[in-house]
Structure formats: structure tokens, C-alpha cells
């Protein structure tokens, strides 16, 4: 899963709401077992979006980029 929100729309809960809807649809309707998401280490806000949606950190991709 990936998301990008234009800066003028930051801090309005849009990413959190969108991620919540995607997780719900993927897990309930598509019956997926797992949905992956990553964020850049310096983008802590994206990490918070995942935490707010109860996603669990399973690992860290070192030197991924």
C-alpha cells in the first residue's frame, strides 16, 4: 500500500482515513491475509498513519533505497 498527500492537505486525517478504508476493504471484502506498507525513515508522519490503523511493524528494510 502506498499513499501520498499534497502538503496543503496534511494534518487533516486524510491518509489515516484512506488507509483505514483500504485495510477494511482488503481484509474483509477481498479476504487478504496481509497488507504491506512501508515508509521512509525520515517520514515519521507516514509511520504514525500506520500505527493509528493498528498496523504492526514486522521488520526494518535497511539500505532498501
Protein backbone atom coordinates (compact mmCIF):
# COMPACT_ATOMS: atom_id res chain seq x y z
CA UNK A 1 0.00 0.00 0.00
CA UNK A 2 1.27 3.45 -0.79
CA UNK A 3 -0.10 6.92 -0.34
CA UNK A 4 0.89 10.48 -0.99
CA UNK A 5 -0.95 13.58 0.22
CA UNK A 6 -0.18 17.06 -1.11
CA UNK A 7 1.33 19.25 1.62
CA UNK A 8 -1.61 21.67 1.69
CA UNK A 9 -3.82 18.74 2.81
CA UNK A 10 -1.53 17.45 5.60
CA UNK A 11 -2.80 17.08 9.17
CA UNK A 12 -6.43 16.61 8.16
CA UNK A 13 -6.56 12.87 8.77
CA UNK A 14 -7.00 12.08 5.07
CA UNK A 15 -4.24 9.47 4.85
CA UNK A 16 -5.38 7.82 8.08
CA UNK A 17 -8.95 7.61 6.80
CA UNK A 18 -7.90 6.30 3.38
CA UNK A 19 -5.61 3.65 4.86
CA UNK A 20 -8.36 2.57 7.26
CA UNK A 21 -10.77 2.13 4.33
CA UNK A 22 -8.23 0.19 2.25
CA UNK A 23 -7.37 -2.12 5.14
CA UNK A 24 -11.04 -2.77 5.87
CA UNK A 25 -11.84 -3.49 2.23
CA UNK A 26 -8.77 -5.65 1.67
CA UNK A 27 -9.15 -7.73 4.79
CA UNK A 28 -12.95 -8.03 4.86
CA UNK A 29 -14.05 -7.98 1.24
CA UNK A 30 -11.02 -9.44 -0.52
CA UNK A 31 -10.15 -11.66 2.45
CA UNK A 32 -6.46 -10.83 2.19
CA UNK A 33 -4.21 -12.32 4.85
CA UNK A 34 -1.76 -9.42 4.96
CA UNK A 35 -1.38 -5.91 3.56
CA UNK A 36 2.11 -4.43 3.41
CA UNK A 37 3.08 -0.79 3.75
CA UNK A 38 6.42 0.95 4.20
CA UNK A 39 7.57 4.50 4.81
CA UNK A 40 10.82 6.37 4.58
CA UNK A 41 12.63 6.51 7.91
CA UNK A 42 12.56 10.31 7.89
CA UNK A 43 8.79 10.41 7.23
CA UNK A 44 7.54 9.78 10.75
CA UNK A 45 4.05 11.04 9.88
CA UNK A 46 3.52 8.14 7.48
CA UNK A 47 4.60 5.77 10.22
CA UNK A 48 2.02 7.34 12.53
CA UNK A 49 -0.70 6.75 9.92
CA UNK A 50 0.13 3.05 10.05
CA UNK A 51 0.23 2.96 13.85
CA UNK A 52 -3.16 4.73 14.07
CA UNK A 53 -4.56 1.95 11.89
CA UNK A 54 -3.15 -0.76 14.17
CA UNK A 55 -0.60 -1.99 11.66
CA UNK A 56 2.23 -3.95 13.24
CA UNK A 57 5.90 -3.36 12.44
CA UNK A 58 7.42 -6.68 11.42
CA UNK A 59 10.82 -5.53 10.31
CA UNK A 60 13.10 -2.83 9.02
CA UNK A 61 14.39 -2.70 5.45
CA UNK A 62 17.96 -1.46 5.86
CA UNK A 63 19.61 0.07 2.79
CA UNK A 64 16.38 -0.58 0.87
CA UNK A 65 16.62 2.55 -1.28
